[in-house]
Amino acid sequence: DIRHEPSKKDVENYKKLVKLGFNPLIVATKADKVSRGLLDKHISIIKKTMGTLPDTPVIPFSAVTKDGRDEIWEYMNYFMEEIKLA
């Protein structure tokens, strides 16, 4: 939920995935509940709290407005192609 700082469990799970060699995608839900002008601020808080790697994407998403849906699909499709090439 983009409106709140990541929980301790969120941070632990992220760090475990990174330790295993993954670069997880962070989907920040309920983006429609935050004004567009504050999205970058909330994304910054998520990145700082989680201690993300520089290339970890954080995509704001709204199930109501579908904002962010295309970006998530693009990210997933990109990595599916990478798996096919490997």
Protein backbone atom coordinates (compact mmCIF):
# COMPACT_ATOMS: atom_id res chain seq x y z
CA ASP A 1 0.00 0.00 0.00
CA ILE A 2 1.75 3.13 -1.28
CA ARG A 3 0.20 5.20 1.51
CA HIS A 4 2.23 3.43 4.21
CA GLU A 5 5.87 2.69 4.84
CA PRO A 6 6.82 -0.90 4.04
CA SER A 7 6.46 -3.27 6.99
CA LYS A 8 9.37 -5.03 8.62
CA LYS A 9 8.22 -8.22 6.85
CA ASP A 10 8.20 -6.40 3.47
CA VAL A 11 11.80 -5.34 4.03
CA GLU A 12 12.84 -8.85 5.14
CA ASN A 13 11.22 -10.46 2.08
CA TYR A 14 12.85 -7.97 -0.29
CA LYS A 15 16.29 -8.57 1.24
CA LYS A 16 15.82 -12.37 1.05
CA LEU A 17 14.95 -12.17 -2.65
CA VAL A 18 17.96 -9.95 -3.37
CA LYS A 19 20.22 -12.32 -1.42
CA LEU A 20 18.96 -15.17 -3.61
CA GLY A 21 20.01 -13.19 -6.70
CA PHE A 22 16.66 -11.78 -7.75
CA ASN A 23 15.87 -8.16 -8.59
CA PRO A 24 12.25 -7.99 -7.47
CA LEU A 25 9.64 -5.66 -8.87
CA ILE A 26 7.87 -3.70 -6.16
CA VAL A 27 4.24 -2.96 -6.95
CA ALA A 28 2.96 -0.14 -4.76
CA THR A 29 -0.79 -0.67 -4.63
CA LYS A 30 -3.62 1.80 -4.02
CA ALA A 31 -1.92 4.51 -6.05
CA ASP A 32 -5.33 6.10 -6.69
CA LYS A 33 -5.45 7.04 -2.99
CA VAL A 34 -2.42 9.34 -3.33
CA SER A 35 -2.35 12.53 -5.38
CA ARG A 36 -0.15 12.37 -8.49
CA GLY A 37 2.00 15.13 -7.05
CA LEU A 38 2.90 12.96 -4.07
CA LEU A 39 3.58 9.66 -5.87
CA ASP A 40 7.31 10.32 -6.25
CA LYS A 41 7.57 11.19 -2.55
CA HIS A 42 5.86 7.94 -1.53
CA ILE A 43 8.00 5.90 -3.94
CA SER A 44 11.10 7.51 -2.45
CA ILE A 45 9.95 6.54 1.06
CA ILE A 46 9.40 2.94 -0.09
CA LYS A 47 12.87 2.76 -1.67
CA LYS A 48 14.57 4.31 1.34
CA THR A 49 12.76 2.14 3.89
CA MET A 50 13.44 -1.04 1.94
CA GLY A 51 17.01 -0.10 1.07
CA THR A 52 16.40 -1.02 -2.56
CA LEU A 53 19.13 -1.52 -5.10
CA PRO A 54 19.40 1.36 -7.60
CA ASP A 55 17.82 -0.69 -10.40
CA THR A 56 14.88 -2.06 -8.39
CA PRO A 57 11.68 -0.79 -10.02
CA VAL A 58 8.82 0.51 -7.90
CA ILE A 59 5.63 0.79 -9.93
CA PRO A 60 2.60 2.55 -8.47
CA PHE A 61 -0.56 0.57 -9.28
CA SER A 62 -4.28 1.11 -8.90
CA ALA A 63 -6.80 -1.70 -9.29
CA VAL A 64 -9.49 0.97 -9.55
CA THR A 65 -8.03 3.10 -12.35
CA LYS A 66 -5.66 0.45 -13.77
CA ASP A 67 -2.78 2.95 -13.64
CA GLY A 68 0.51 1.06 -13.68
CA ARG A 69 -0.97 -2.09 -15.23
CA ASP A 70 0.77 -1.65 -18.58
CA GLU A 71 4.13 -0.97 -16.91
CA ILE A 72 3.82 -4.15 -14.83
CA TRP A 73 2.98 -6.22 -17.93
CA GLU A 74 5.91 -4.68 -19.83
CA TYR A 75 8.26 -5.59 -17.01
CA MET A 76 6.95 -9.14 -16.83
CA ASN A 77 7.08 -9.62 -20.60
CA TYR A 78 10.65 -8.34 -20.73
CA PHE A 79 11.77 -10.92 -18.20
CA MET A 80 9.83 -13.71 -19.84
CA GLU A 81 11.76 -12.95 -23.05
CA GLU A 82 15.01 -12.97 -21.09
CA ILE A 83 14.19 -16.42 -19.72
CA LYS A 84 13.46 -17.69 -23.24
CA LEU A 85 16.85 -16.43 -24.43
CA ALA A 86 18.75 -18.06 -21.60
